[in-house]
């Protein structure tokens, strides 16, 4: 069911991430890496609406995080795993 979600609809460019003191390209790459990681890690039969809601949390959570330019893939993976493991908690907060 996740194949019905077009991940490219969520990806961002450096033009939309705001001012990051010259690190806009890096920030866009990191956010896009988070989107891709969640998508890849999500089970194939996840409800499309649930996956969409989880992907929407990425921007809300990360765009203001000053550590974003320095975050490593292991940390991205861990955060995505935590998000997927605790999705009910995150989705309840969103509603």
N, C-alpha and C. Protein backbone atom coordinates (compact mmCIF):
# COMPACT_ATOMS: atom_id res chain seq x y z
N UNK A 1 0.81 -1.19 0.00
CA UNK A 1 0.00 0.00 0.00
C UNK A 1 0.86 1.27 0.00
N UNK A 2 2.09 1.16 0.51
CA UNK A 2 2.90 2.38 0.54
C UNK A 2 3.28 2.84 -0.87
N UNK A 3 3.20 1.91 -1.84
CA UNK A 3 3.54 2.30 -3.21
C UNK A 3 2.58 3.35 -3.77
N UNK A 4 1.44 3.54 -3.12
CA UNK A 4 0.50 4.56 -3.58
C UNK A 4 0.95 5.97 -3.15
N UNK A 5 1.94 6.05 -2.28
CA UNK A 5 2.49 7.34 -1.86
C UNK A 5 3.67 7.68 -2.76
N UNK A 6 3.66 8.86 -3.32
CA UNK A 6 4.75 9.31 -4.19
C UNK A 6 5.72 10.12 -3.32
N UNK A 7 6.84 9.51 -3.00
CA UNK A 7 7.80 10.13 -2.09
C UNK A 7 8.31 11.47 -2.63
N UNK A 8 8.37 11.59 -3.93
CA UNK A 8 8.86 12.83 -4.54
C UNK A 8 7.96 14.03 -4.24
N UNK A 9 6.73 13.76 -3.83
CA UNK A 9 5.83 14.86 -3.44
C UNK A 9 6.27 15.52 -2.13
N UNK A 10 7.10 14.83 -1.37
CA UNK A 10 7.54 15.34 -0.07
C UNK A 10 8.93 15.96 -0.12
N UNK A 11 9.73 15.60 -1.07
CA UNK A 11 11.12 16.05 -1.12
C UNK A 11 11.22 17.55 -1.29
N UNK A 12 12.26 18.12 -0.70
CA UNK A 12 12.43 19.57 -0.69
C UNK A 12 13.72 19.96 -1.40
N UNK A 13 13.77 21.21 -1.79
CA UNK A 13 14.99 21.76 -2.38
C UNK A 13 15.56 22.80 -1.42
N UNK A 14 16.76 23.23 -1.69
CA UNK A 14 17.38 24.24 -0.84
C UNK A 14 16.61 25.56 -0.86
N UNK A 15 15.81 25.78 -1.89
CA UNK A 15 15.06 27.02 -2.00
C UNK A 15 13.94 27.12 -0.97
N UNK A 16 13.49 25.99 -0.42
CA UNK A 16 12.34 26.03 0.49
C UNK A 16 12.70 25.82 1.96
N UNK A 17 13.95 25.52 2.27
CA UNK A 17 14.31 25.22 3.66
C UNK A 17 14.59 26.45 4.50
N UNK A 18 14.68 27.60 3.88
CA UNK A 18 14.96 28.81 4.63
C UNK A 18 16.45 29.08 4.73
N UNK A 19 16.78 30.02 5.59
CA UNK A 19 18.17 30.46 5.74
C UNK A 19 18.90 29.58 6.75
N UNK A 20 19.93 28.92 6.29
CA UNK A 20 20.76 28.06 7.13
C UNK A 20 22.23 28.47 7.01
N UNK A 21 22.49 29.74 6.87
CA UNK A 21 23.85 30.27 6.81
C UNK A 21 24.73 29.54 5.80
N UNK A 22 24.22 29.37 4.60
CA UNK A 22 24.98 28.75 3.53
C UNK A 22 24.90 27.24 3.50
N UNK A 23 24.17 26.64 4.43
CA UNK A 23 24.07 25.19 4.48
C UNK A 23 22.71 24.69 4.00
N UNK A 24 22.04 25.48 3.20
CA UNK A 24 20.71 25.13 2.73
C UNK A 24 20.69 23.83 1.93
N UNK A 25 21.70 23.62 1.11
CA UNK A 25 21.77 22.39 0.31
C UNK A 25 21.92 21.17 1.21
N UNK A 26 22.77 21.26 2.21
CA UNK A 26 22.98 20.16 3.16
C UNK A 26 21.68 19.88 3.92
N UNK A 27 21.02 20.91 4.36
CA UNK A 27 19.76 20.75 5.12
C UNK A 27 18.71 20.07 4.24
N UNK A 28 18.58 20.51 3.00
CA UNK A 28 17.62 19.87 2.09
C UNK A 28 17.96 18.39 1.89
N UNK A 29 19.24 18.09 1.73
CA UNK A 29 19.65 16.69 1.56
C UNK A 29 19.32 15.86 2.80
N UNK A 30 19.54 16.41 3.98
CA UNK A 30 19.26 15.68 5.22
C UNK A 30 17.76 15.42 5.38
N UNK A 31 16.96 16.44 5.13
CA UNK A 31 15.51 16.26 5.24
C UNK A 31 15.04 15.22 4.23
N UNK A 32 15.55 15.29 3.02
CA UNK A 32 15.16 14.30 2.00
C UNK A 32 15.63 12.90 2.38
N UNK A 33 16.78 12.81 3.02
CA UNK A 33 17.27 11.52 3.48
C UNK A 33 16.34 10.94 4.55
N UNK A 34 15.83 11.80 5.42
CA UNK A 34 14.88 11.36 6.44
C UNK A 34 13.60 10.86 5.77
N UNK A 35 13.08 11.62 4.80
CA UNK A 35 11.88 11.17 4.08
C UNK A 35 12.10 9.79 3.45
N UNK A 36 13.20 9.64 2.76
CA UNK A 36 13.49 8.36 2.09
C UNK A 36 13.64 7.22 3.09
N UNK A 37 14.28 7.50 4.21
CA UNK A 37 14.51 6.46 5.21
C UNK A 37 13.18 5.99 5.81
N UNK A 38 12.32 6.90 6.15
CA UNK A 38 11.00 6.51 6.67
C UNK A 38 10.26 5.68 5.64
N UNK A 39 10.26 6.15 4.41
CA UNK A 39 9.55 5.43 3.35
C UNK A 39 10.10 4.01 3.19
N UNK A 40 11.41 3.88 3.16
CA UNK A 40 12.02 2.56 2.99
C UNK A 40 11.77 1.65 4.18
N UNK A 41 11.78 2.20 5.37
CA UNK A 41 11.62 1.40 6.58
C UNK A 41 10.16 1.02 6.86
N UNK A 42 9.24 1.79 6.36
CA UNK A 42 7.82 1.51 6.61
C UNK A 42 7.44 0.18 5.96
N UNK A 43 6.60 -0.56 6.64
CA UNK A 43 6.16 -1.84 6.09
C UNK A 43 5.37 -1.61 4.81
N UNK A 44 5.41 -2.58 3.92
CA UNK A 44 4.76 -2.45 2.61
C UNK A 44 3.25 -2.26 2.72
N UNK A 45 2.64 -2.80 3.77
CA UNK A 45 1.19 -2.72 3.88
C UNK A 45 0.71 -1.59 4.80
N UNK A 46 1.57 -0.61 5.09
CA UNK A 46 1.17 0.52 5.91
C UNK A 46 0.04 1.27 5.20
N UNK A 47 -0.89 1.76 6.00
CA UNK A 47 -1.98 2.55 5.42
C UNK A 47 -1.40 3.83 4.82
N UNK A 48 -1.77 4.15 3.60
CA UNK A 48 -1.22 5.34 2.94
C UNK A 48 -1.42 6.62 3.77
N UNK A 49 -2.58 6.75 4.39
CA UNK A 49 -2.83 7.95 5.20
C UNK A 49 -1.87 8.02 6.38
N UNK A 50 -1.60 6.89 7.00
CA UNK A 50 -0.68 6.85 8.12
C UNK A 50 0.74 7.21 7.68
N UNK A 51 1.17 6.67 6.57
CA UNK A 51 2.50 7.00 6.05
C UNK A 51 2.59 8.48 5.69
N UNK A 52 1.56 9.01 5.08
CA UNK A 52 1.53 10.44 4.76
C UNK A 52 1.67 11.28 6.03
N UNK A 53 0.90 10.91 7.06
CA UNK A 53 0.97 11.65 8.32
C UNK A 53 2.38 11.58 8.94
N UNK A 54 3.00 10.41 8.88
CA UNK A 54 4.36 10.27 9.41
C UNK A 54 5.36 11.11 8.61
N UNK A 55 5.22 11.10 7.31
CA UNK A 55 6.12 11.90 6.47
C UNK A 55 5.93 13.39 6.73
N UNK A 56 4.72 13.80 6.99
CA UNK A 56 4.46 15.22 7.28
C UNK A 56 5.10 15.65 8.59
N UNK A 57 5.31 14.71 9.49
CA UNK A 57 5.96 15.03 10.77
C UNK A 57 7.43 15.41 10.59
N UNK A 58 8.04 14.95 9.52
CA UNK A 58 9.47 15.23 9.29
C UNK A 58 9.71 16.74 9.26
N UNK A 59 8.97 17.44 8.45
CA UNK A 59 9.17 18.89 8.32
C UNK A 59 8.92 19.57 9.66
N UNK A 60 7.82 19.21 10.31
CA UNK A 60 7.48 19.83 11.59
C UNK A 60 8.57 19.62 12.63
N UNK A 61 9.13 18.43 12.65
CA UNK A 61 10.13 18.11 13.67
C UNK A 61 11.51 18.66 13.36
N UNK A 62 11.92 18.60 12.11
CA UNK A 62 13.32 18.84 11.78
C UNK A 62 13.65 20.23 11.26
N UNK A 63 12.73 20.95 10.64
CA UNK A 63 13.12 22.18 9.95
C UNK A 63 13.69 23.23 10.90
N UNK A 64 13.30 23.23 12.13
CA UNK A 64 13.84 24.21 13.07
C UNK A 64 14.97 23.68 13.93
N UNK A 65 15.41 22.45 13.69
CA UNK A 65 16.43 21.82 14.53
C UNK A 65 17.82 22.25 14.07
N UNK A 66 18.49 22.99 14.92
CA UNK A 66 19.80 23.54 14.54
C UNK A 66 20.87 22.48 14.33
N UNK A 67 20.64 21.25 14.80
CA UNK A 67 21.59 20.16 14.61
C UNK A 67 21.45 19.48 13.26
N UNK A 68 20.45 19.84 12.51
CA UNK A 68 20.15 19.16 11.25
C UNK A 68 21.34 19.07 10.28
N UNK A 69 22.10 20.13 10.06
CA UNK A 69 23.21 20.01 9.10
C UNK A 69 24.27 18.97 9.49
N UNK A 70 24.42 18.71 10.79
CA UNK A 70 25.47 17.80 11.26
C UNK A 70 24.98 16.38 11.53
N UNK A 71 23.70 16.13 11.43
CA UNK A 71 23.17 14.81 11.79
C UNK A 71 23.73 13.75 10.85
N UNK A 72 24.09 12.62 11.43
CA UNK A 72 24.66 11.50 10.69
C UNK A 72 23.57 10.49 10.33
N UNK A 73 23.87 9.62 9.36
CA UNK A 73 22.87 8.66 8.91
C UNK A 73 22.41 7.75 10.05
N UNK A 74 23.31 7.33 10.92
CA UNK A 74 22.91 6.46 12.03
C UNK A 74 21.85 7.13 12.90
N UNK A 75 22.00 8.43 13.13
CA UNK A 75 21.03 9.16 13.92
C UNK A 75 19.70 9.30 13.17
N UNK A 76 19.79 9.50 11.87
CA UNK A 76 18.57 9.57 11.06
C UNK A 76 17.85 8.23 11.13
N UNK A 77 18.59 7.16 10.95
CA UNK A 77 17.99 5.82 11.00
C UNK A 77 17.34 5.58 12.36
N UNK A 78 18.04 5.91 13.43
CA UNK A 78 17.50 5.71 14.77
C UNK A 78 16.22 6.52 14.98
N UNK A 79 16.22 7.77 14.54
CA UNK A 79 15.02 8.60 14.71
C UNK A 79 13.86 8.03 13.90
N UNK A 80 14.12 7.62 12.68
CA UNK A 80 13.06 7.05 11.84
C UNK A 80 12.52 5.76 12.45
N UNK A 81 13.40 4.94 12.99
CA UNK A 81 12.96 3.71 13.65
C UNK A 81 12.10 4.04 14.86
N UNK A 82 12.53 5.01 15.64
CA UNK A 82 11.76 5.44 16.81
C UNK A 82 10.38 5.96 16.38
N UNK A 83 10.36 6.75 15.33
CA UNK A 83 9.09 7.29 14.83
C UNK A 83 8.14 6.16 14.42
N UNK A 84 8.65 5.21 13.67
CA UNK A 84 7.82 4.10 13.21
C UNK A 84 7.40 3.20 14.37
N UNK A 85 8.28 2.96 15.32
CA UNK A 85 7.96 2.12 16.47
C UNK A 85 6.93 2.77 17.39
N UNK A 86 6.92 4.09 17.42
CA UNK A 86 6.04 4.84 18.33
C UNK A 86 5.04 5.70 17.57
N UNK A 87 4.68 5.24 16.39
CA UNK A 87 3.83 6.06 15.51
C UNK A 87 2.52 6.49 16.15
N UNK A 88 1.92 5.61 16.96
CA UNK A 88 0.64 5.98 17.58
C UNK A 88 0.80 7.22 18.45
N UNK A 89 1.87 7.26 19.20
CA UNK A 89 2.13 8.41 20.06
C UNK A 89 2.29 9.69 19.22
N UNK A 90 3.08 9.62 18.17
CA UNK A 90 3.30 10.79 17.32
C UNK A 90 2.04 11.21 16.58
N UNK A 91 1.31 10.25 16.09
CA UNK A 91 0.11 10.57 15.33
C UNK A 91 -0.99 11.10 16.24
N UNK A 92 -1.05 10.63 17.49
CA UNK A 92 -2.02 11.18 18.44
C UNK A 92 -1.71 12.62 18.75
N UNK A 93 -0.42 12.96 18.85
CA UNK A 93 -0.01 14.34 19.12
C UNK A 93 -0.36 15.26 17.96
N UNK A 94 -0.33 14.71 16.75
CA UNK A 94 -0.59 15.50 15.55
C UNK A 94 -2.06 15.87 15.45
N UNK A 95 -2.94 15.01 15.92
CA UNK A 95 -4.39 15.24 15.80
C UNK A 95 -4.92 16.11 16.89
